[in-house]
Amino acid sequence: MTSVFPWVAIFLIILMLPALYRVLKGPTLFDRIISAGLMGTNGVIILAILGFTYDRINMFIDLAIAYALLNFVGTVAIGKYLERRRKESE
């Protein structure tokens, strides 16, 4: 059963490649922000899978929760910054 987890992690990393492309070549800033959030979410899932793989789920889940909070706060901060910048330009 544990041999499945590394393959799932590799599959998720491959799924992150289109999001990375969207971050680098996104037509709008909002596409880039959403893609960065998607990559952060996939990173949280990969951390949880690594915890199951190495039988250290407690440590990796703590890291995944901290990373998810940083991802959320970063997305909200960028959104607030863009909202304020849009109001100032009007």
Protein backbone atom coordinates (compact mmCIF):
# COMPACT_ATOMS: atom_id res chain seq x y z
CA MET A 1 0.00 0.00 0.00
CA THR A 2 2.77 2.44 0.80
CA SER A 3 4.28 2.00 -2.66
CA VAL A 4 1.29 3.85 -4.10
CA PHE A 5 2.04 7.11 -2.28
CA PRO A 6 5.25 8.04 -4.14
CA TRP A 7 3.51 7.49 -7.46
CA VAL A 8 0.65 9.73 -6.40
CA ALA A 9 3.15 12.40 -5.34
CA ILE A 10 4.90 12.17 -8.72
CA PHE A 11 1.54 12.42 -10.48
CA LEU A 12 0.69 15.55 -8.48
CA ILE A 13 4.04 17.10 -9.32
CA ILE A 14 3.35 16.46 -13.01
CA LEU A 15 -0.06 18.09 -12.57
CA MET A 16 1.68 21.17 -11.17
CA LEU A 17 3.49 21.80 -14.46
CA PRO A 18 0.51 23.44 -16.26
CA ALA A 19 -0.03 25.65 -13.21
CA LEU A 20 3.64 26.62 -13.28
CA TYR A 21 3.28 27.53 -16.95
CA ARG A 22 0.25 29.68 -16.08
CA VAL A 23 2.24 31.41 -13.32
CA LEU A 24 5.04 32.24 -15.74
CA LYS A 25 3.03 33.08 -18.88
CA GLY A 26 -0.42 33.95 -17.50
CA PRO A 27 -2.38 36.47 -19.53
CA THR A 28 -3.53 38.33 -16.42
CA LEU A 29 -2.25 38.84 -12.92
CA PHE A 30 -5.30 37.10 -11.47
CA ASP A 31 -4.55 33.94 -13.47
CA ARG A 32 -1.05 33.96 -12.00
CA ILE A 33 -2.34 34.37 -8.45
CA ILE A 34 -4.85 31.53 -8.82
CA SER A 35 -2.19 29.28 -10.33
CA ALA A 36 0.19 30.03 -7.48
CA GLY A 37 -2.58 29.14 -5.02
CA LEU A 38 -3.18 25.89 -6.89
CA MET A 39 0.50 25.03 -6.66
CA GLY A 40 0.42 25.77 -2.94
CA THR A 41 -2.57 23.49 -2.47
CA ASN A 42 -0.85 20.71 -4.38
CA GLY A 43 2.20 21.27 -2.19
CA VAL A 44 0.10 20.71 0.91
CA ILE A 45 -1.24 17.45 -0.51
CA ILE A 46 2.27 16.32 -1.44
CA LEU A 47 3.47 17.03 2.10
CA ALA A 48 0.65 14.91 3.50
CA ILE A 49 1.51 12.08 1.09
CA LEU A 50 5.16 12.27 2.14
CA GLY A 51 4.04 11.93 5.74
CA PHE A 52 2.22 8.71 4.92
CA THR A 53 5.19 7.45 2.92
CA TYR A 54 7.74 7.95 5.69
CA ASP A 55 5.35 6.99 8.53
CA ARG A 56 5.85 10.42 10.10
CA ILE A 57 2.35 11.74 9.47
CA ASN A 58 2.30 13.93 12.60
CA MET A 59 5.34 15.94 11.56
CA PHE A 60 4.36 16.32 7.92
CA ILE A 61 0.75 17.25 8.69
CA ASP A 62 2.00 20.03 10.95
CA LEU A 63 4.19 21.28 8.11
CA ALA A 64 1.32 20.99 5.64
CA ILE A 65 -1.01 22.99 7.90
CA ALA A 66 1.60 25.72 8.35
CA TYR A 67 2.21 25.82 4.59
CA ALA A 68 -1.54 25.98 3.89
CA LEU A 69 -1.91 28.92 6.29
CA LEU A 70 0.98 30.75 4.63
CA ASN A 71 -0.55 30.07 1.22
CA PHE A 72 -3.93 31.41 2.33
CA VAL A 73 -2.51 34.51 4.03
CA GLY A 74 -0.33 35.25 1.02
CA THR A 75 -3.26 35.00 -1.37
CA VAL A 76 -5.43 37.26 0.81
CA ALA A 77 -2.60 39.78 1.18
CA ILE A 78 -2.06 39.96 -2.57
CA GLY A 79 -5.80 40.32 -3.11
CA LYS A 80 -6.02 43.19 -0.61
CA TYR A 81 -3.01 44.87 -2.20
CA LEU A 82 -4.53 44.63 -5.67
CA GLU A 83 -7.89 45.91 -4.40
CA ARG A 84 -6.24 48.93 -2.77
CA ARG A 85 -4.17 49.59 -5.87
CA ARG A 86 -7.28 49.47 -8.07
CA LYS A 87 -9.13 51.94 -5.79
CA GLU A 88 -6.19 54.35 -5.89
CA SER A 89 -6.07 54.28 -9.69
CA GLU A 90 -9.77 55.20 -10.01
